Every structure is written in structure tokens, then in C-alpha cells.
Amino acid sequence: MRGGRVLRAGYDPVLYGNYLTIHGERERRSYFYAHLPRPSPFGRGDRLYTGERIGAVGKTGNARTVGCHLHFEIHTRGRPIDPEPFLDRWDRYR
């Protein structure tokens, strides 16, 4: 991702806990992060830059019963897609 803008930030007590959705800059994808330990300091419309810290691994929502982890999704046209091809491509740049 090359940064982007926050589409949504909020709290879902049943599933996701604290979450954040970012629309990628010059991309047709959005990135969803959930179970953050605290509400994100960013809100709708805020500009985010590549490498900027947006949160931490947590256990809010239904993660409180399974332990700390980060729920991550990539969405196109509002629907989740398999992130593995993108993660493999990003990993080459390490």
C-alpha cells in the first residue's frame, strides 16, 4: 500500500473490536485491520502515509477469547479477497 485515506474507524463489540479501514492511494483496494487494543487516533478522511503506525496487535471484539492477533483483510469493490498474492509480492521488497 502507498498510503491512503481512512474510510472508517470504529468499534464492533461482537466481532472486530477496534477497527480501521483504509482506502489505498491510487488503488482500487481497501485494507481492513481489526482487534486493535485501542481506538485508532485516525478518523474518516485522515491521510495516512506508508510506514505510519496505525495501531497495534490486540484482543478486542471476539479476539478476547482466542488471544492477541491482528485481523487483516484486503477488499476490492467492498468485498474481501485472498490477500496472499499481495503479501507474497510485498514480502519480496524486504
PDB file of N, CA and C in Angstrom:
ATOM      1  N   MET A   1       0.842  -1.181   0.000  1.00  0.00           N
ATOM      2  CA  MET A   1       0.000   0.000   0.000  1.00  0.00           C
ATOM      3  C   MET A   1       0.882   1.236   0.000  1.00  0.00           C
ATOM      4  N   ARG A   2       0.458   2.258  -0.683  1.00  0.00           N
ATOM      5  CA  ARG A   2       1.191   3.518  -0.762  1.00  0.00           C
ATOM      6  C   ARG A   2       0.544   4.603   0.073  1.00  0.00           C
ATOM      7  N   GLY A   3       0.017   4.228   1.189  1.00  0.00           N
ATOM      8  CA  GLY A   3      -0.724   5.184   1.987  1.00  0.00           C
ATOM      9  C   GLY A   3      -2.139   5.285   1.473  1.00  0.00           C
ATOM     10  N   GLY A   4      -2.915   6.152   2.077  1.00  0.00           N
ATOM     11  CA  GLY A   4      -4.296   6.312   1.657  1.00  0.00           C
ATOM     12  C   GLY A   4      -5.084   7.153   2.638  1.00  0.00           C
ATOM     13  N   ARG A   5      -6.390   6.998   2.583  1.00  0.00           N
ATOM     14  CA  ARG A   5      -7.282   7.749   3.459  1.00  0.00           C
ATOM     15  C   ARG A   5      -8.161   6.793   4.258  1.00  0.00           C
ATOM     16  N   VAL A   6      -8.452   7.199   5.469  1.00  0.00           N
ATOM     17  CA  VAL A   6      -9.305   6.384   6.341  1.00  0.00           C
ATOM     18  C   VAL A   6     -10.743   6.444   5.836  1.00  0.00           C
ATOM     19  N   LEU A   7     -11.311   5.275   5.579  1.00  0.00           N
ATOM     20  CA  LEU A   7     -12.721   5.183   5.207  1.00  0.00           C
ATOM     21  C   LEU A   7     -13.601   5.078   6.442  1.00  0.00           C
ATOM     22  N   ARG A   8     -13.180   4.227   7.391  1.00  0.00           N
ATOM     23  CA  ARG A   8     -13.944   4.002   8.608  1.00  0.00           C
ATOM     24  C   ARG A   8     -13.001   3.669   9.750  1.00  0.00           C
ATOM     25  N   ALA A   9     -13.385   4.095  10.917  1.00  0.00           N
ATOM     26  CA  ALA A   9     -12.706   3.698  12.151  1.00  0.00           C
ATOM     27  C   ALA A   9     -13.791   3.586  13.200  1.00  0.00           C
ATOM     28  N   GLY A  10     -13.732   2.547  14.000  1.00  0.00           N
ATOM     29  CA  GLY A  10     -14.784   2.398  14.986  1.00  0.00           C
ATOM     30  C   GLY A  10     -14.573   1.207  15.891  1.00  0.00           C
ATOM     31  N   TYR A  11     -15.679   0.808  16.512  1.00  0.00           N
ATOM     32  CA  TYR A  11     -15.653  -0.300  17.460  1.00  0.00           C
ATOM     33  C   TYR A  11     -16.849  -1.203  17.215  1.00  0.00           C
ATOM     34  N   ASP A  12     -16.601  -2.498  17.096  1.00  0.00           N
ATOM     35  CA  ASP A  12     -17.643  -3.510  16.978  1.00  0.00           C
ATOM     36  C   ASP A  12     -17.473  -4.467  18.156  1.00  0.00           C
ATOM     37  N   PRO A  13     -18.376  -4.429  19.156  1.00  0.00           N
ATOM     38  CA  PRO A  13     -18.189  -5.233  20.364  1.00  0.00           C
ATOM     39  C   PRO A  13     -18.333  -6.741  20.146  1.00  0.00           C
ATOM     40  N   VAL A  14     -18.991  -7.148  19.067  1.00  0.00           N
ATOM     41  CA  VAL A  14     -19.245  -8.568  18.846  1.00  0.00           C
ATOM     42  C   VAL A  14     -18.103  -9.255  18.094  1.00  0.00           C
ATOM     43  N   LEU A  15     -17.694  -8.716  16.961  1.00  0.00           N
ATOM     44  CA  LEU A  15     -16.701  -9.401  16.125  1.00  0.00           C
ATOM     45  C   LEU A  15     -15.316  -8.759  16.145  1.00  0.00           C
ATOM     46  N   TYR A  16     -15.203  -7.523  15.684  1.00  0.00           N
ATOM     47  CA  TYR A  16     -13.909  -6.951  15.341  1.00  0.00           C
ATOM     48  C   TYR A  16     -13.263  -6.080  16.406  1.00  0.00           C
ATOM     49  N   GLY A  17     -13.990  -5.667  17.397  1.00  0.00           N
ATOM     50  CA  GLY A  17     -13.415  -4.749  18.373  1.00  0.00           C
ATOM     51  C   GLY A  17     -13.061  -3.442  17.691  1.00  0.00           C
ATOM     52  N   ASN A  18     -11.937  -2.864  18.062  1.00  0.00           N
ATOM     53  CA  ASN A  18     -11.472  -1.620  17.427  1.00  0.00           C
ATOM     54  C   ASN A  18     -10.964  -1.947  16.028  1.00  0.00           C
ATOM     55  N   TYR A  19     -11.434  -1.199  15.049  1.00  0.00           N
ATOM     56  CA  TYR A  19     -11.042  -1.486  13.668  1.00  0.00           C
ATOM     57  C   TYR A  19     -10.773  -0.206  12.887  1.00  0.00           C
ATOM     58  N   LEU A  20     -10.136  -0.396  11.745  1.00  0.00           N
ATOM     59  CA  LEU A  20      -9.775   0.716  10.860  1.00  0.00           C
ATOM     60  C   LEU A  20      -9.797   0.197   9.433  1.00  0.00           C
ATOM     61  N   THR A  21     -10.414   0.943   8.517  1.00  0.00           N
ATOM     62  CA  THR A  21     -10.399   0.615   7.096  1.00  0.00           C
ATOM     63  C   THR A  21      -9.764   1.775   6.344  1.00  0.00           C
ATOM     64  N   ILE A  22      -8.776   1.454   5.514  1.00  0.00           N
ATOM     65  CA  ILE A  22      -8.027   2.462   4.759  1.00  0.00           C
ATOM     66  C   ILE A  22      -8.191   2.186   3.273  1.00  0.00           C
ATOM     67  N   HIS A  23      -8.548   3.208   2.511  1.00  0.00           N
ATOM     68  CA  HIS A  23      -8.594   3.076   1.052  1.00  0.00           C
ATOM     69  C   HIS A  23      -7.223   3.436   0.508  1.00  0.00           C
ATOM     70  N   GLY A  24      -6.610   2.513  -0.237  1.00  0.00           N
ATOM     71  CA  GLY A  24      -5.266   2.714  -0.762  1.00  0.00           C
ATOM     72  C   GLY A  24      -5.182   3.836  -1.779  1.00  0.00           C
ATOM     73  N   GLU A  25      -4.126   4.611  -1.690  1.00  0.00           N
ATOM     74  CA  GLU A  25      -3.863   5.702  -2.627  1.00  0.00           C
ATOM     75  C   GLU A  25      -3.609   5.146  -4.025  1.00  0.00           C
ATOM     76  N   ARG A  26      -4.322   5.645  -5.008  1.00  0.00           N
ATOM     77  CA  ARG A  26      -4.190   5.217  -6.405  1.00  0.00           C
ATOM     78  C   ARG A  26      -4.392   3.714  -6.574  1.00  0.00           C
ATOM     79  N   GLU A  27      -5.217   3.124  -5.735  1.00  0.00           N
ATOM     80  CA  GLU A  27      -5.511   1.692  -5.811  1.00  0.00           C
ATOM     81  C   GLU A  27      -7.015   1.499  -5.782  1.00  0.00           C
ATOM     82  N   ARG A  28      -7.443   0.370  -6.220  1.00  0.00           N
ATOM     83  CA  ARG A  28      -8.854   0.015  -6.134  1.00  0.00           C
ATOM     84  C   ARG A  28      -9.051  -1.001  -5.018  1.00  0.00           C
ATOM     85  N   ARG A  29      -8.299  -0.789  -3.946  1.00  0.00           N
ATOM     86  CA  ARG A  29      -8.359  -1.705  -2.812  1.00  0.00           C
ATOM     87  C   ARG A  29      -8.478  -0.925  -1.518  1.00  0.00           C
ATOM     88  N   SER A  30      -9.059  -1.605  -0.530  1.00  0.00           N
ATOM     89  CA  SER A  30      -9.112  -1.083   0.833  1.00  0.00           C
ATOM     90  C   SER A  30      -8.501  -2.127   1.751  1.00  0.00           C
ATOM     91  N   TYR A  31      -7.984  -1.658   2.879  1.00  0.00           N
ATOM     92  CA  TYR A  31      -7.293  -2.515   3.832  1.00  0.00           C
ATOM     93  C   TYR A  31      -7.992  -2.395   5.182  1.00  0.00           C
ATOM     94  N   PHE A  32      -8.373  -3.535   5.735  1.00  0.00           N
ATOM     95  CA  PHE A  32      -9.141  -3.593   6.963  1.00  0.00           C
ATOM     96  C   PHE A  32      -8.291  -4.222   8.063  1.00  0.00           C
ATOM     97  N   TYR A  33      -8.193  -3.540   9.196  1.00  0.00           N
ATOM     98  CA  TYR A  33      -7.426  -4.018  10.345  1.00  0.00           C
ATOM     99  C   TYR A  33      -8.370  -4.048  11.544  1.00  0.00           C
ATOM    100  N   ALA A  34      -8.355  -5.160  12.292  1.00  0.00           N
ATOM    101  CA  ALA A  34      -9.274  -5.276  13.427  1.00  0.00           C
ATOM    102  C   ALA A  34      -8.589  -5.893  14.645  1.00  0.00           C
ATOM    103  N   HIS A  35      -9.258  -5.783  15.778  1.00  0.00           N
ATOM    104  CA  HIS A  35      -8.826  -6.252  17.097  1.00  0.00           C
ATOM    105  C   HIS A  35      -7.738  -5.358  17.689  1.00  0.00           C
ATOM    106  N   LEU A  36      -7.650  -4.116  17.216  1.00  0.00           N
ATOM    107  CA  LEU A  36      -6.672  -3.171  17.759  1.00  0.00           C
ATOM    108  C   LEU A  36      -6.963  -2.957  19.247  1.00  0.00           C
ATOM    109  N   PRO A  37      -5.937  -2.833  20.084  1.00  0.00           N
ATOM    110  CA  PRO A  37      -6.182  -2.733  21.528  1.00  0.00           C
ATOM    111  C   PRO A  37      -6.858  -1.437  21.962  1.00  0.00           C
ATOM    112  N   ARG A  38      -6.680  -0.384  21.181  1.00  0.00           N
ATOM    113  CA  ARG A  38      -7.269   0.925  21.491  1.00  0.00           C
ATOM    114  C   ARG A  38      -7.896   1.502  20.224  1.00  0.00           C
ATOM    115  N   PRO A  39      -8.816   2.416  20.366  1.00  0.00           N
ATOM    116  CA  PRO A  39      -9.349   3.076  19.171  1.00  0.00           C
ATOM    117  C   PRO A  39      -8.213   3.766  18.409  1.00  0.00           C
ATOM    118  N   SER A  40      -8.315   3.736  17.105  1.00  0.00           N
ATOM    119  CA  SER A  40      -7.298   4.398  16.284  1.00  0.00           C
ATOM    120  C   SER A  40      -7.346   5.900  16.515  1.00  0.00           C
ATOM    121  N   PRO A  41      -6.186   6.558  16.505  1.00  0.00           N
ATOM    122  CA  PRO A  41      -6.190   8.012  16.612  1.00  0.00           C
ATOM    123  C   PRO A  41      -6.639   8.691  15.320  1.00  0.00           C
ATOM    124  N   PHE A  42      -6.851   7.893  14.266  1.00  0.00           N
ATOM    125  CA  PHE A  42      -7.242   8.429  12.967  1.00  0.00           C
ATOM    126  C   PHE A  42      -8.736   8.283  12.756  1.00  0.00           C
ATOM    127  N   GLY A  43      -9.313   9.220  12.024  1.00  0.00           N
ATOM    128  CA  GLY A  43     -10.738   9.183  11.735  1.00  0.00           C
ATOM    129  C   GLY A  43     -11.004   9.317  10.250  1.00  0.00           C
ATOM    130  N   ARG A  44     -12.247   9.175   9.886  1.00  0.00           N
ATOM    131  CA  ARG A  44     -12.672   9.238   8.484  1.00  0.00           C
ATOM    132  C   ARG A  44     -12.056  10.446   7.771  1.00  0.00           C
ATOM    133  N   GLY A  45     -11.438  10.161   6.622  1.00  0.00           N
ATOM    134  CA  GLY A  45     -10.862  11.212   5.794  1.00  0.00           C
ATOM    135  C   GLY A  45      -9.418  11.542   6.106  1.00  0.00           C
ATOM    136  N   ASP A  46      -8.888  11.070   7.234  1.00  0.00           N
ATOM    137  CA  ASP A  46      -7.484  11.356   7.561  1.00  0.00           C
ATOM    138  C   ASP A  46      -6.557  10.702   6.548  1.00  0.00           C
ATOM    139  N   ARG A  47      -5.497  11.420   6.185  1.00  0.00           N
ATOM    140  CA  ARG A  47      -4.483  10.921   5.254  1.00  0.00           C
ATOM    141  C   ARG A  47      -3.446  10.135   6.032  1.00  0.00           C
ATOM    142  N   LEU A  48      -3.106   8.932   5.533  1.00  0.00           N
ATOM    143  CA  LEU A  48      -2.086   8.094   6.147  1.00  0.00           C
ATOM    144  C   LEU A  48      -0.971   7.855   5.141  1.00  0.00           C
ATOM    145  N   TYR A  49       0.224   7.699   5.630  1.00  0.00           N
ATOM    146  CA  TYR A  49       1.389   7.520   4.775  1.00  0.00           C
ATOM    147  C   TYR A  49       1.996   6.139   4.978  1.00  0.00           C
ATOM    148  N   THR A  50       2.614   5.608   3.948  1.00  0.00           N
ATOM    149  CA  THR A  50       3.265   4.307   4.027  1.00  0.00           C
ATOM    150  C   THR A  50       4.253   4.297   5.187  1.00  0.00           C
ATOM    151  N   GLY A  51       4.180   3.252   5.991  1.00  0.00           N
ATOM    152  CA  GLY A  51       5.080   3.112   7.128  1.00  0.00           C
ATOM    153  C   GLY A  51       4.591   3.760   8.407  1.00  0.00           C
ATOM    154  N   GLU A  52       3.520   4.509   8.328  1.00  0.00           N
ATOM    155  CA  GLU A  52       2.976   5.173   9.518  1.00  0.00           C
ATOM    156  C   GLU A  52       2.274   4.149  10.406  1.00  0.00           C
ATOM    157  N   ARG A  53       2.522   4.218  11.691  1.00  0.00           N
ATOM    158  CA  ARG A  53       1.893   3.286  12.625  1.00  0.00           C
ATOM    159  C   ARG A  53       0.423   3.645  12.791  1.00  0.00           C
ATOM    160  N   ILE A  54      -0.429   2.656  12.591  1.00  0.00           N
ATOM    161  CA  ILE A  54      -1.878   2.897  12.684  1.00  0.00           C
ATOM    162  C   ILE A  54      -2.501   2.225  13.891  1.00  0.00           C
ATOM    163  N   GLY A  55      -1.772   1.338  14.544  1.00  0.00           N
ATOM    164  CA  GLY A  55      -2.314   0.630  15.698  1.00  0.00           C
ATOM    165  C   GLY A  55      -1.373  -0.469  16.134  1.00  0.00           C
ATOM    166  N   ALA A  56      -1.878  -1.370  16.960  1.00  0.00           N
ATOM    167  CA  ALA A  56      -1.083  -2.479  17.476  1.00  0.00           C
ATOM    168  C   ALA A  56      -1.942  -3.734  17.521  1.00  0.00           C
ATOM    169  N   VAL A  57      -1.297  -4.870  17.692  1.00  0.00           N
ATOM    170  CA  VAL A  57      -1.988  -6.145  17.832  1.00  0.00           C
ATOM    171  C   VAL A  57      -2.755  -6.138  19.152  1.00  0.00           C
ATOM    172  N   GLY A  58      -3.989  -6.595  19.106  1.00  0.00           N
ATOM    173  CA  GLY A  58      -4.799  -6.569  20.324  1.00  0.00           C
ATOM    174  C   GLY A  58      -5.717  -7.759  20.432  1.00  0.00           C
ATOM    175  N   LYS A  59      -6.661  -7.654  21.349  1.00  0.00           N
ATOM    176  CA  LYS A  59      -7.627  -8.738  21.545  1.00  0.00           C
ATOM    177  C   LYS A  59      -9.009  -8.193  21.866  1.00  0.00           C
ATOM    178  N   THR A  60      -9.452  -7.200  21.112  1.00  0.00           N
ATOM    179  CA  THR A  60     -10.794  -6.663  21.290  1.00  0.00           C
ATOM    180  C   THR A  60     -11.776  -7.426  20.407  1.00  0.00           C
ATOM    181  N   GLY A  61     -13.065  -7.235  20.663  1.00  0.00           N
ATOM    182  CA  GLY A  61     -14.089  -7.977  19.926  1.00  0.00           C
ATOM    183  C   GLY A  61     -14.035  -9.445  20.300  1.00  0.00           C
ATOM    184  N   ASN A  62     -14.238 -10.328  19.317  1.00  0.00           N
ATOM    185  CA  ASN A  62     -14.227 -11.755  19.634  1.00  0.00           C
ATOM    186  C   ASN A  62     -12.814 -12.311  19.811  1.00  0.00           C
ATOM    187  N   ALA A  63     -11.788 -11.512  19.615  1.00  0.00           N
ATOM    188  CA  ALA A  63     -10.407 -11.970  19.831  1.00  0.00           C
ATOM    189  C   ALA A  63     -10.098 -12.118  21.320  1.00  0.00           C
ATOM    190  N   ARG A  64     -10.918 -11.571  22.175  1.00  0.00           N
ATOM    191  CA  ARG A  64     -10.644 -11.678  23.615  1.00  0.00           C
ATOM    192  C   ARG A  64     -10.677 -13.127  24.082  1.00  0.00           C
ATOM    193  N   THR A  65     -11.329 -14.020  23.330  1.00  0.00           N
ATOM    194  CA  THR A  65     -11.400 -15.425  23.721  1.00  0.00           C
ATOM    195  C   THR A  65     -10.290 -16.265  23.096  1.00  0.00           C
ATOM    196  N   VAL A  66      -9.581 -15.745  22.095  1.00  0.00           N
ATOM    197  CA  VAL A  66      -8.532 -16.524  21.425  1.00  0.00           C
ATOM    198  C   VAL A  66      -7.144 -15.903  21.578  1.00  0.00           C
ATOM    199  N   GLY A  67      -7.063 -14.734  22.140  1.00  0.00           N
ATOM    200  CA  GLY A  67      -5.769 -14.091  22.352  1.00  0.00           C
ATOM    201  C   GLY A  67      -5.426 -13.050  21.307  1.00  0.00           C
ATOM    202  N   CYS A  68      -4.329 -12.357  21.556  1.00  0.00           N
ATOM    203  CA  CYS A  68      -3.900 -11.251  20.702  1.00  0.00           C
ATOM    204  C   CYS A  68      -3.614 -11.699  19.272  1.00  0.00           C
ATOM    205  N   HIS A  69      -4.140 -10.959  18.340  1.00  0.00           N
ATOM    206  CA  HIS A  69      -3.796 -11.128  16.929  1.00  0.00           C
ATOM    207  C   HIS A  69      -4.324  -9.932  16.142  1.00  0.00           C
ATOM    208  N   LEU A  70      -3.882  -9.828  14.915  1.00  0.00           N
ATOM    209  CA  LEU A  70      -4.348  -8.780  14.017  1.00  0.00           C
ATOM    210  C   LEU A  70      -5.188  -9.429  12.934  1.00  0.00           C
ATOM    211  N   HIS A  71      -6.402  -8.966  12.772  1.00  0.00           N
ATOM    212  CA  HIS A  71      -7.269  -9.426  11.685  1.00  0.00           C
ATOM    213  C   HIS A  71      -7.034  -8.459  10.533  1.00  0.00           C
ATOM    214  N   PHE A  72      -6.629  -8.990   9.376  1.00  0.00           N
ATOM    215  CA  PHE A  72      -6.275  -8.165   8.218  1.00  0.00           C
ATOM    216  C   PHE A  72      -7.027  -8.682   7.005  1.00  0.00           C
ATOM    217  N   GLU A  73      -7.633  -7.777   6.261  1.00  0.00           N
ATOM    218  CA  GLU A  73      -8.317  -8.137   5.018  1.00  0.00           C
ATOM    219  C   GLU A  73      -7.992  -7.107   3.952  1.00  0.00           C
ATOM    220  N   ILE A  74      -7.974  -7.561   2.705  1.00  0.00           N
ATOM    221  CA  ILE A  74      -7.912  -6.663   1.555  1.00  0.00           C
ATOM    222  C   ILE A  74      -9.263  -6.762   0.866  1.00  0.00           C
ATOM    223  N   HIS A  75      -9.859  -5.609   0.554  1.00  0.00           N
ATOM    224  CA  HIS A  75     -11.169  -5.568  -0.091  1.00  0.00           C
ATOM    225  C   HIS A  75     -11.051  -4.920  -1.463  1.00  0.00           C
ATOM    226  N   THR A  76     -11.746  -5.470  -2.433  1.00  0.00           N
ATOM    227  CA  THR A  76     -11.953  -4.792  -3.715  1.00  0.00           C
ATOM    228  C   THR A  76     -13.446  -4.748  -3.942  1.00  0.00           C
ATOM    229  N   ARG A  77     -13.926  -3.601  -4.375  1.00  0.00           N
ATOM    230  CA  ARG A  77     -15.364  -3.387  -4.578  1.00  0.00           C
ATOM    231  C   ARG A  77     -16.172  -3.759  -3.344  1.00  0.00           C
ATOM    232  N   GLY A  78     -15.609  -3.497  -2.163  1.00  0.00           N
ATOM    233  CA  GLY A  78     -16.319  -3.724  -0.916  1.00  0.00           C
ATOM    234  C   GLY A  78     -16.366  -5.159  -0.431  1.00  0.00           C
ATOM    235  N   ARG A  79     -15.676  -6.069  -1.120  1.00  0.00           N
ATOM    236  CA  ARG A  79     -15.688  -7.482  -0.735  1.00  0.00           C
ATOM    237  C   ARG A  79     -14.279  -7.962  -0.437  1.00  0.00           C
ATOM    238  N   PRO A  80     -14.125  -8.829   0.578  1.00  0.00           N
ATOM    239  CA  PRO A  80     -12.789  -9.341   0.889  1.00  0.00           C
ATOM    240  C   PRO A  80     -12.270 -10.268  -0.214  1.00  0.00           C
ATOM    241  N   ILE A  81     -10.969 -10.197  -0.451  1.00  0.00           N
ATOM    242  CA  ILE A  81     -10.313 -11.076  -1.418  1.00  0.00           C
ATOM    243  C   ILE A  81      -9.155 -11.785  -0.714  1.00  0.00           C
ATOM    244  N   ASP A  82      -8.600 -12.795  -1.358  1.00  0.00           N
ATOM    245  CA  ASP A  82      -7.462 -13.522  -0.809  1.00  0.00           C
ATOM    246  C   ASP A  82      -6.238 -12.595  -0.810  1.00  0.00           C
ATOM    247  N   PRO A  83      -5.663 -12.281   0.360  1.00  0.00           N
ATOM    248  CA  PRO A  83      -4.532 -11.346   0.408  1.00  0.00           C
ATOM    249  C   PRO A  83      -3.186 -11.990   0.091  1.00  0.00           C
ATOM    250  N   GLU A  84      -3.121 -13.329   0.029  1.00  0.00           N
ATOM    251  CA  GLU A  84      -1.823 -13.992  -0.111  1.00  0.00           C
ATOM    252  C   GLU A  84      -1.006 -13.533  -1.317  1.00  0.00           C
ATOM    253  N   PRO A  85      -1.557 -13.402  -2.521  1.00  0.00           N
ATOM    254  CA  PRO A  85      -0.731 -12.946  -3.638  1.00  0.00           C
ATOM    255  C   PRO A  85      -0.105 -11.569  -3.390  1.00  0.00           C
ATOM    256  N   PHE A  86      -0.842 -10.683  -2.740  1.00  0.00           N
ATOM    257  CA  PHE A  86      -0.323  -9.347  -2.454  1.00  0.00           C
ATOM    258  C   PHE A  86       0.759  -9.413  -1.389  1.00  0.00           C
ATOM    259  N   LEU A  87       0.547 -10.230  -0.362  1.00  0.00           N
ATOM    260  CA  LEU A  87       1.539 -10.352   0.701  1.00  0.00           C
ATOM    261  C   LEU A  87       2.829 -10.973   0.169  1.00  0.00           C
ATOM    262  N   ASP A  88       2.717 -11.966  -0.710  1.00  0.00           N
ATOM    263  CA  ASP A  88       3.913 -12.551  -1.324  1.00  0.00           C
ATOM    264  C   ASP A  88       4.682 -11.500  -2.112  1.00  0.00           C
ATOM    265  N   ARG A  89       3.982 -10.674  -2.862  1.00  0.00           N
ATOM    266  CA  ARG A  89       4.624  -9.629  -3.656  1.00  0.00           C
ATOM    267  C   ARG A  89       5.289  -8.586  -2.749  1.00  0.00           C
ATOM    268  N   TRP A  90       4.601  -8.179  -1.687  1.00  0.00           N
ATOM    269  CA  TRP A  90       5.164  -7.191  -0.767  1.00  0.00           C
ATOM    270  C   TRP A  90       6.387  -7.738  -0.056  1.00  0.00           C
ATOM    271  N   ASP A  91       6.386  -9.030   0.269  1.00  0.00           N
ATOM    272  CA  ASP A  91       7.486  -9.632   1.008  1.00  0.00           C
ATOM    273  C   ASP A  91       8.785  -9.599   0.211  1.00  0.00           C
ATOM    274  N   ARG A  92       8.716  -9.577  -1.096  1.00  0.00           N
ATOM    275  CA  ARG A  92       9.927  -9.509  -1.923  1.00  0.00           C
ATOM    276  C   ARG A  92      10.709  -8.229  -1.717  1.00  0.00           C
ATOM    277  N   TYR A  93      10.047  -7.190  -1.221  1.00  0.00           N
ATOM    278  CA  TYR A  93      10.704  -5.906  -1.046  1.00  0.00           C
ATOM    279  C   TYR A  93      11.431  -5.779   0.282  1.00  0.00           C
ATOM    280  N   ARG A  94      11.389  -6.782   1.118  1.00  0.00           N
ATOM    281  CA  ARG A  94      12.043  -6.745   2.434  1.00  0.00           C
ATOM    282  C   ARG A  94      13.534  -6.858   2.296  1.00  0.00           C
TER     283      ARG A  94
END
